[in-house]
Amino acid sequence: MFERYTQNARSVMDHARQEAQKLKHDHVGTEHVLLGLAEVKSGVAYDILIHRDICLKTVKAEIVKLVQNGTGHEDTDWEKLPRTKHCQNMVDDAVKEARELKHNHIGTEHLLLGLLHENEGTGAQVIRNMGLKLDQVRIDVLHFLGKA
C-alpha cells in the first residue's frame, strides 16, 4: 500500500503507529498522524507546520487535552493497529489530493492535505484548537507547492 509513498511519508505513518503505541491506543487516528507529521523533521508538511508555529510539544499537549491514554496491553500487535474511520478517510483523501495535483507520489504534503480534508478527525480538531483555520493551512500547502 505504501509503495507510492515518499520515504518521509512512510516515516510519518510509522511514527503515527509508534505514537498510538505510546498512548496505548488500539488504533491509529488522525491525531497520531499529526504527531507523525510534527515528528518527521523533513518534508513539505513539516515546513508548513513550522511556518504556522505548530511544534511537536504543542501538538502533544493539545492531544492530551482531547484524548485519554488507552488500555492497550503489552501483547498487542502494535505493527497491525487498525486505522480509525477518520484516519482511513484521511489516507484516501491524501491519495485523491496527490491525484488532483497530478503528483505520482504520496508525500507529507498530501497526508497533511488529507488530514485537513478529514475535518471531523481529532487531528483537524487539534489544529483548530491551536487557533488555525483549516482552509488557511490548506492554502499554505498549495502556495508552498506553487499551486495556489
N, C-alpha and C. Protein backbone atom coordinates (compact mmCIF):
# COMPACT_ATOMS: atom_id res chain seq x y z
N MET A 1 0.81 -1.20 0.00
CA MET A 1 0.00 0.00 0.00
C MET A 1 0.86 1.27 0.00
N PHE A 2 2.03 1.19 0.61
CA PHE A 2 2.85 2.38 0.76
C PHE A 2 3.89 2.54 -0.36
N GLU A 3 3.74 1.79 -1.44
CA GLU A 3 4.75 1.84 -2.50
C GLU A 3 4.86 3.21 -3.16
N ARG A 4 3.79 3.97 -3.21
CA ARG A 4 3.84 5.31 -3.83
C ARG A 4 4.20 6.39 -2.81
N TYR A 5 4.33 6.02 -1.55
CA TYR A 5 4.66 6.98 -0.50
C TYR A 5 6.14 7.34 -0.57
N THR A 6 6.44 8.61 -0.34
CA THR A 6 7.84 9.01 -0.22
C THR A 6 8.38 8.43 1.08
N GLN A 7 9.68 8.44 1.21
CA GLN A 7 10.30 7.95 2.44
C GLN A 7 9.81 8.76 3.64
N ASN A 8 9.67 10.08 3.48
CA ASN A 8 9.18 10.91 4.59
C ASN A 8 7.74 10.53 4.96
N ALA A 9 6.89 10.29 3.98
CA ALA A 9 5.50 9.92 4.25
C ALA A 9 5.44 8.56 4.95
N ARG A 10 6.27 7.63 4.54
CA ARG A 10 6.33 6.33 5.22
C ARG A 10 6.77 6.51 6.66
N SER A 11 7.74 7.37 6.85
CA SER A 11 8.23 7.63 8.20
C SER A 11 7.14 8.25 9.07
N VAL A 12 6.34 9.16 8.49
CA VAL A 12 5.22 9.77 9.22
C VAL A 12 4.25 8.69 9.68
N MET A 13 3.90 7.78 8.78
CA MET A 13 2.94 6.74 9.14
C MET A 13 3.52 5.78 10.18
N ASP A 14 4.81 5.53 10.11
CA ASP A 14 5.46 4.69 11.12
C ASP A 14 5.46 5.39 12.47
N HIS A 15 5.78 6.69 12.46
CA HIS A 15 5.74 7.46 13.71
C HIS A 15 4.32 7.53 14.27
N ALA A 16 3.33 7.61 13.39
CA ALA A 16 1.94 7.62 13.85
C ALA A 16 1.63 6.34 14.61
N ARG A 17 2.05 5.21 14.07
CA ARG A 17 1.84 3.93 14.76
C ARG A 17 2.56 3.91 16.11
N GLN A 18 3.78 4.43 16.14
CA GLN A 18 4.55 4.47 17.38
C GLN A 18 3.87 5.37 18.42
N GLU A 19 3.32 6.48 17.96
CA GLU A 19 2.61 7.38 18.89
C GLU A 19 1.36 6.71 19.45
N ALA A 20 0.65 5.98 18.60
CA ALA A 20 -0.51 5.23 19.09
C ALA A 20 -0.07 4.23 20.16
N GLN A 21 1.06 3.60 19.91
CA GLN A 21 1.59 2.63 20.87
C GLN A 21 1.95 3.31 22.19
N LYS A 22 2.61 4.46 22.13
CA LYS A 22 2.98 5.19 23.34
C LYS A 22 1.76 5.56 24.17
N LEU A 23 0.67 5.89 23.47
CA LEU A 23 -0.56 6.27 24.15
C LEU A 23 -1.43 5.06 24.49
N LYS A 24 -0.92 3.86 24.17
CA LYS A 24 -1.62 2.59 24.42
C LYS A 24 -2.99 2.55 23.75
N HIS A 25 -3.08 3.15 22.59
CA HIS A 25 -4.33 3.13 21.83
C HIS A 25 -4.39 1.87 20.98
N ASP A 26 -5.57 1.39 20.74
CA ASP A 26 -5.76 0.18 19.94
C ASP A 26 -6.07 0.51 18.48
N HIS A 27 -5.68 1.71 18.06
CA HIS A 27 -5.96 2.19 16.71
C HIS A 27 -4.97 3.29 16.36
N VAL A 28 -4.89 3.61 15.08
CA VAL A 28 -4.14 4.78 14.62
C VAL A 28 -5.17 5.77 14.12
N GLY A 29 -5.14 6.97 14.69
CA GLY A 29 -6.08 8.02 14.31
C GLY A 29 -5.38 9.20 13.69
N THR A 30 -6.16 10.16 13.27
CA THR A 30 -5.58 11.35 12.63
C THR A 30 -4.69 12.12 13.59
N GLU A 31 -4.99 12.04 14.89
CA GLU A 31 -4.13 12.70 15.87
C GLU A 31 -2.73 12.10 15.88
N HIS A 32 -2.64 10.79 15.67
CA HIS A 32 -1.34 10.14 15.64
C HIS A 32 -0.58 10.54 14.37
N VAL A 33 -1.31 10.68 13.27
CA VAL A 33 -0.67 11.11 12.03
C VAL A 33 -0.15 12.54 12.18
N LEU A 34 -0.93 13.40 12.82
CA LEU A 34 -0.46 14.77 13.05
C LEU A 34 0.82 14.76 13.89
N LEU A 35 0.86 13.90 14.90
CA LEU A 35 2.10 13.77 15.68
C LEU A 35 3.25 13.31 14.78
N GLY A 36 2.97 12.37 13.88
CA GLY A 36 4.00 11.91 12.95
C GLY A 36 4.48 13.03 12.04
N LEU A 37 3.54 13.84 11.57
CA LEU A 37 3.92 14.98 10.71
C LEU A 37 4.80 15.97 11.46
N ALA A 38 4.54 16.14 12.75
CA ALA A 38 5.35 17.07 13.55
C ALA A 38 6.69 16.46 13.96
N GLU A 39 6.75 15.14 13.99
CA GLU A 39 8.00 14.46 14.41
C GLU A 39 9.00 14.31 13.28
N VAL A 40 8.51 14.04 12.08
CA VAL A 40 9.41 13.83 10.95
C VAL A 40 9.83 15.21 10.45
N LYS A 41 11.04 15.56 10.75
CA LYS A 41 11.50 16.94 10.57
C LYS A 41 12.01 17.22 9.16
N SER A 42 11.35 16.65 8.18
CA SER A 42 11.64 16.98 6.79
C SER A 42 10.39 16.75 5.97
N GLY A 43 10.31 17.43 4.86
CA GLY A 43 9.14 17.34 4.02
C GLY A 43 8.33 18.62 4.06
N VAL A 44 7.45 18.73 3.09
CA VAL A 44 6.63 19.93 2.95
C VAL A 44 5.75 20.16 4.17
N ALA A 45 5.12 19.10 4.66
CA ALA A 45 4.20 19.26 5.80
C ALA A 45 4.92 19.83 7.01
N TYR A 46 6.11 19.33 7.29
CA TYR A 46 6.86 19.86 8.43
C TYR A 46 7.15 21.34 8.24
N ASP A 47 7.54 21.73 7.04
CA ASP A 47 7.80 23.14 6.76
C ASP A 47 6.56 24.00 7.00
N ILE A 48 5.41 23.49 6.60
CA ILE A 48 4.15 24.22 6.82
C ILE A 48 3.84 24.32 8.30
N LEU A 49 4.00 23.21 9.02
CA LEU A 49 3.72 23.23 10.47
C LEU A 49 4.62 24.23 11.19
N ILE A 50 5.90 24.24 10.83
CA ILE A 50 6.83 25.19 11.44
C ILE A 50 6.44 26.62 11.07
N HIS A 51 6.07 26.84 9.80
CA HIS A 51 5.62 28.16 9.35
C HIS A 51 4.44 28.64 10.20
N ARG A 52 3.59 27.73 10.59
CA ARG A 52 2.39 28.05 11.39
C ARG A 52 2.63 27.90 12.89
N ASP A 53 3.89 27.77 13.30
CA ASP A 53 4.27 27.64 14.71
C ASP A 53 3.61 26.44 15.39
N ILE A 54 3.49 25.36 14.65
CA ILE A 54 2.97 24.11 15.21
C ILE A 54 4.16 23.20 15.43
N CYS A 55 4.44 22.91 16.69
CA CYS A 55 5.58 22.05 17.01
C CYS A 55 5.08 20.79 17.73
N LEU A 56 5.94 19.81 17.81
CA LEU A 56 5.60 18.53 18.40
C LEU A 56 5.10 18.69 19.84
N LYS A 57 5.78 19.51 20.61
CA LYS A 57 5.40 19.70 22.01
C LYS A 57 3.98 20.25 22.14
N THR A 58 3.65 21.23 21.32
CA THR A 58 2.32 21.83 21.34
C THR A 58 1.25 20.85 20.88
N VAL A 59 1.56 20.09 19.82
CA VAL A 59 0.62 19.10 19.31
C VAL A 59 0.33 18.06 20.39
N LYS A 60 1.38 17.57 21.04
CA LYS A 60 1.19 16.56 22.10
C LYS A 60 0.33 17.12 23.22
N ALA A 61 0.58 18.35 23.62
CA ALA A 61 -0.21 18.95 24.70
C ALA A 61 -1.68 19.05 24.33
N GLU A 62 -1.97 19.42 23.10
CA GLU A 62 -3.37 19.51 22.65
C GLU A 62 -4.03 18.14 22.58
N ILE A 63 -3.28 17.16 22.14
CA ILE A 63 -3.84 15.80 22.05
C ILE A 63 -4.16 15.26 23.43
N VAL A 64 -3.29 15.52 24.39
CA VAL A 64 -3.53 15.06 25.76
C VAL A 64 -4.82 15.66 26.31
N LYS A 65 -5.14 16.89 25.89
CA LYS A 65 -6.38 17.53 26.33
C LYS A 65 -7.61 16.84 25.73
N LEU A 66 -7.46 16.29 24.52
CA LEU A 66 -8.60 15.73 23.80
C LEU A 66 -8.81 14.23 23.98
N VAL A 67 -7.73 13.49 24.12
CA VAL A 67 -7.85 12.03 24.21
C VAL A 67 -7.12 11.51 25.44
N GLN A 68 -7.63 10.42 25.95
CA GLN A 68 -7.01 9.79 27.11
C GLN A 68 -6.10 8.67 26.65
N ASN A 69 -5.17 8.30 27.53
CA ASN A 69 -4.36 7.13 27.23
C ASN A 69 -5.28 5.93 27.13
N GLY A 70 -4.92 5.01 26.26
CA GLY A 70 -5.71 3.81 26.07
C GLY A 70 -5.37 2.76 27.11
N THR A 71 -5.89 1.59 26.87
CA THR A 71 -5.68 0.48 27.80
C THR A 71 -4.99 -0.68 27.09
N GLY A 72 -4.25 -0.38 26.04
CA GLY A 72 -3.56 -1.42 25.29
C GLY A 72 -2.66 -2.25 26.19
N HIS A 73 -2.51 -3.50 25.81
CA HIS A 73 -1.70 -4.43 26.60
C HIS A 73 -0.38 -4.69 25.90
N GLU A 74 0.58 -5.19 26.67
CA GLU A 74 1.90 -5.45 26.12
C GLU A 74 1.87 -6.47 24.99
N ASP A 75 0.89 -7.36 25.01
CA ASP A 75 0.83 -8.39 23.97
C ASP A 75 0.10 -7.93 22.71
N THR A 76 -0.29 -6.66 22.67
CA THR A 76 -0.95 -6.12 21.49
C THR A 76 0.03 -6.12 20.31
N ASP A 77 -0.43 -6.50 19.14
CA ASP A 77 0.40 -6.49 17.94
C ASP A 77 0.40 -5.06 17.39
N TRP A 78 1.32 -4.25 17.86
CA TRP A 78 1.37 -2.84 17.52
C TRP A 78 1.63 -2.60 16.04
N GLU A 79 2.23 -3.58 15.37
CA GLU A 79 2.54 -3.43 13.95
C GLU A 79 1.28 -3.43 13.09
N LYS A 80 0.18 -3.97 13.62
CA LYS A 80 -1.02 -4.13 12.82
C LYS A 80 -2.21 -3.38 13.40
N LEU A 81 -1.96 -2.24 13.97
CA LEU A 81 -3.06 -1.45 14.52
C LEU A 81 -3.98 -0.99 13.39
N PRO A 82 -5.28 -1.14 13.58
CA PRO A 82 -6.20 -0.66 12.55
C PRO A 82 -6.30 0.87 12.59
N ARG A 83 -6.67 1.44 11.45
CA ARG A 83 -6.90 2.88 11.39
C ARG A 83 -8.35 3.17 11.76
N THR A 84 -8.56 4.31 12.38
CA THR A 84 -9.93 4.75 12.62
C THR A 84 -10.56 5.09 11.27
N LYS A 85 -11.87 5.24 11.27
CA LYS A 85 -12.57 5.63 10.04
C LYS A 85 -12.02 6.96 9.53
N HIS A 86 -11.82 7.91 10.43
CA HIS A 86 -11.29 9.22 10.01
C HIS A 86 -9.89 9.09 9.45
N CYS A 87 -9.08 8.23 10.04
CA CYS A 87 -7.71 8.07 9.55
C CYS A 87 -7.71 7.40 8.18
N GLN A 88 -8.56 6.41 7.99
CA GLN A 88 -8.63 5.76 6.68
C GLN A 88 -9.12 6.76 5.63
N ASN A 89 -10.12 7.57 6.00
CA ASN A 89 -10.59 8.60 5.08
C ASN A 89 -9.47 9.59 4.76
N MET A 90 -8.67 9.93 5.77
CA MET A 90 -7.55 10.85 5.57
C MET A 90 -6.55 10.29 4.57
N VAL A 91 -6.24 8.99 4.70
CA VAL A 91 -5.31 8.34 3.77
C VAL A 91 -5.89 8.34 2.36
N ASP A 92 -7.18 8.01 2.26
CA ASP A 92 -7.84 8.03 0.94
C ASP A 92 -7.84 9.45 0.36
N ASP A 93 -8.09 10.44 1.21
CA ASP A 93 -8.08 11.83 0.76
C ASP A 93 -6.68 12.26 0.32
N ALA A 94 -5.65 11.77 0.99
CA ALA A 94 -4.27 12.09 0.60
C ALA A 94 -3.99 11.59 -0.81
N VAL A 95 -4.47 10.39 -1.12
CA VAL A 95 -4.30 9.84 -2.46
C VAL A 95 -5.04 10.71 -3.48
N LYS A 96 -6.25 11.11 -3.16
CA LYS A 96 -7.02 11.96 -4.06
C LYS A 96 -6.34 13.31 -4.27
N GLU A 97 -5.80 13.87 -3.18
CA GLU A 97 -5.10 15.15 -3.29
C GLU A 97 -3.90 15.03 -4.22
N ALA A 98 -3.14 13.96 -4.08
CA ALA A 98 -1.98 13.76 -4.95
C ALA A 98 -2.42 13.64 -6.40
N ARG A 99 -3.49 12.90 -6.62
CA ARG A 99 -4.01 12.71 -7.98
C ARG A 99 -4.44 14.05 -8.57
N GLU A 100 -5.17 14.85 -7.79
CA GLU A 100 -5.64 16.14 -8.27
C GLU A 100 -4.48 17.09 -8.58
N LEU A 101 -3.41 16.96 -7.82
CA LEU A 101 -2.23 17.80 -8.05
C LEU A 101 -1.34 17.22 -9.15
N LYS A 102 -1.76 16.08 -9.70
CA LYS A 102 -1.02 15.39 -10.75
C LYS A 102 0.38 14.96 -10.29
N HIS A 103 0.46 14.55 -9.01
CA HIS A 103 1.70 14.01 -8.46
C HIS A 103 1.63 12.49 -8.53
N ASN A 104 2.75 11.87 -8.80
CA ASN A 104 2.76 10.41 -8.88
C ASN A 104 3.29 9.77 -7.60
N HIS A 105 3.32 10.53 -6.54
CA HIS A 105 3.77 10.04 -5.24
C HIS A 105 2.83 10.58 -4.16
N ILE A 106 2.90 10.00 -2.99
CA ILE A 106 2.18 10.50 -1.82
C ILE A 106 3.24 11.00 -0.86
N GLY A 107 3.25 12.30 -0.65
CA GLY A 107 4.23 12.90 0.25
C GLY A 107 3.57 13.41 1.52
N THR A 108 4.38 13.98 2.37
CA THR A 108 3.85 14.51 3.63
C THR A 108 2.83 15.61 3.38
N GLU A 109 3.02 16.35 2.29
CA GLU A 109 2.07 17.41 1.96
C GLU A 109 0.68 16.84 1.66
N HIS A 110 0.64 15.68 1.04
CA HIS A 110 -0.64 15.04 0.72
C HIS A 110 -1.30 14.50 1.99
N LEU A 111 -0.47 13.96 2.89
CA LEU A 111 -1.01 13.50 4.17
C LEU A 111 -1.61 14.66 4.95
N LEU A 112 -0.92 15.80 4.95
CA LEU A 112 -1.45 16.98 5.64
C LEU A 112 -2.73 17.46 4.97
N LEU A 113 -2.76 17.51 3.66
CA LEU A 113 -3.97 17.91 2.96
C LEU A 113 -5.12 16.95 3.25
N GLY A 114 -4.83 15.67 3.31
CA GLY A 114 -5.84 14.68 3.65
C GLY A 114 -6.36 14.88 5.06
N LEU A 115 -5.46 15.18 5.98
CA LEU A 115 -5.85 15.44 7.37
C LEU A 115 -6.75 16.66 7.46
N LEU A 116 -6.43 17.69 6.71
CA LEU A 116 -7.25 18.91 6.71
C LEU A 116 -8.62 18.64 6.08
N HIS A 117 -8.65 17.80 5.06
CA HIS A 117 -9.91 17.46 4.40
C HIS A 117 -10.81 16.67 5.33
N GLU A 118 -10.22 15.79 6.13
CA GLU A 118 -10.98 14.97 7.08
C GLU A 118 -11.16 15.81 8.36
N ASN A 119 -11.96 16.86 8.22
CA ASN A 119 -12.05 17.90 9.25
C ASN A 119 -12.78 17.48 10.52
N GLU A 120 -13.37 16.30 10.55
CA GLU A 120 -14.02 15.83 11.77
C GLU A 120 -13.08 14.99 12.63
N GLY A 121 -11.90 14.69 12.12
CA GLY A 121 -10.94 13.89 12.86
C GLY A 121 -10.29 14.69 13.98
N THR A 122 -9.70 13.97 14.91
CA THR A 122 -9.05 14.61 16.05
C THR A 122 -7.86 15.46 15.62
N GLY A 123 -7.14 15.03 14.58
CA GLY A 123 -6.00 15.81 14.10
C GLY A 123 -6.42 17.20 13.66
N ALA A 124 -7.51 17.29 12.92
CA ALA A 124 -8.02 18.60 12.48
C ALA A 124 -8.50 19.41 13.68
N GLN A 125 -9.11 18.74 14.65
CA GLN A 125 -9.57 19.43 15.86
C GLN A 125 -8.38 20.05 16.61
N VAL A 126 -7.29 19.32 16.66
CA VAL A 126 -6.08 19.84 17.32
C VAL A 126 -5.61 21.12 16.62
N ILE A 127 -5.59 21.09 15.29
CA ILE A 127 -5.16 22.28 14.53
C ILE A 127 -6.10 23.45 14.82
N ARG A 128 -7.40 23.19 14.82
CA ARG A 128 -8.36 24.26 15.14
C ARG A 128 -8.15 24.77 16.56
N ASN A 129 -7.90 23.87 17.50
CA ASN A 129 -7.69 24.29 18.90
C ASN A 129 -6.45 25.16 19.06
N MET A 130 -5.55 25.07 18.11
CA MET A 130 -4.35 25.90 18.14
C MET A 130 -4.59 27.26 17.50
N GLY A 131 -5.86 27.52 17.17
CA GLY A 131 -6.24 28.83 16.64
C GLY A 131 -6.07 28.98 15.14
N LEU A 132 -5.90 27.87 14.44
CA LEU A 132 -5.71 27.95 13.00
C LEU A 132 -6.97 27.54 12.26
N LYS A 133 -7.13 28.09 11.09
CA LYS A 133 -8.24 27.72 10.22
C LYS A 133 -7.72 26.68 9.23
N LEU A 134 -8.47 25.59 9.09
CA LEU A 134 -8.03 24.51 8.21
C LEU A 134 -7.86 24.99 6.77
N ASP A 135 -8.77 25.85 6.32
CA ASP A 135 -8.67 26.36 4.95
C ASP A 135 -7.40 27.16 4.73
N GLN A 136 -6.98 27.91 5.74
CA GLN A 136 -5.77 28.70 5.60
C GLN A 136 -4.53 27.82 5.54
N VAL A 137 -4.52 26.76 6.35
CA VAL A 137 -3.38 25.83 6.30
C VAL A 137 -3.34 25.15 4.93
N ARG A 138 -4.50 24.81 4.41
CA ARG A 138 -4.57 24.21 3.06
C ARG A 138 -3.99 25.17 2.02
N ILE A 139 -4.35 26.44 2.10
CA ILE A 139 -3.82 27.45 1.18
C ILE A 139 -2.30 27.53 1.32
N ASP A 140 -1.81 27.45 2.56
CA ASP A 140 -0.36 27.47 2.78
C ASP A 140 0.31 26.32 2.02
N VAL A 141 -0.26 25.12 2.13
CA VAL A 141 0.33 23.96 1.46
C VAL A 141 0.33 24.18 -0.05
N LEU A 142 -0.80 24.59 -0.59
CA LEU A 142 -0.89 24.79 -2.04
C LEU A 142 0.04 25.92 -2.50
N HIS A 143 0.14 26.96 -1.70
CA HIS A 143 1.06 28.06 -2.03
C HIS A 143 2.50 27.54 -2.04
N PHE A 144 2.84 26.77 -1.04
CA PHE A 144 4.19 26.23 -0.95
C PHE A 144 4.51 25.35 -2.16
N LEU A 145 3.49 24.62 -2.63
CA LEU A 145 3.68 23.75 -3.80
C LEU A 145 3.59 24.53 -5.11
N GLY A 146 3.27 25.82 -5.04
CA GLY A 146 3.14 26.63 -6.23
C GLY A 146 1.84 26.40 -6.97
N LYS A 147 0.81 25.91 -6.24
CA LYS A 147 -0.48 25.58 -6.85
C LYS A 147 -1.60 26.49 -6.38
N ALA A 148 -1.27 27.52 -5.62
CA ALA A 148 -2.33 28.39 -5.08
C ALA A 148 -2.94 29.24 -6.17
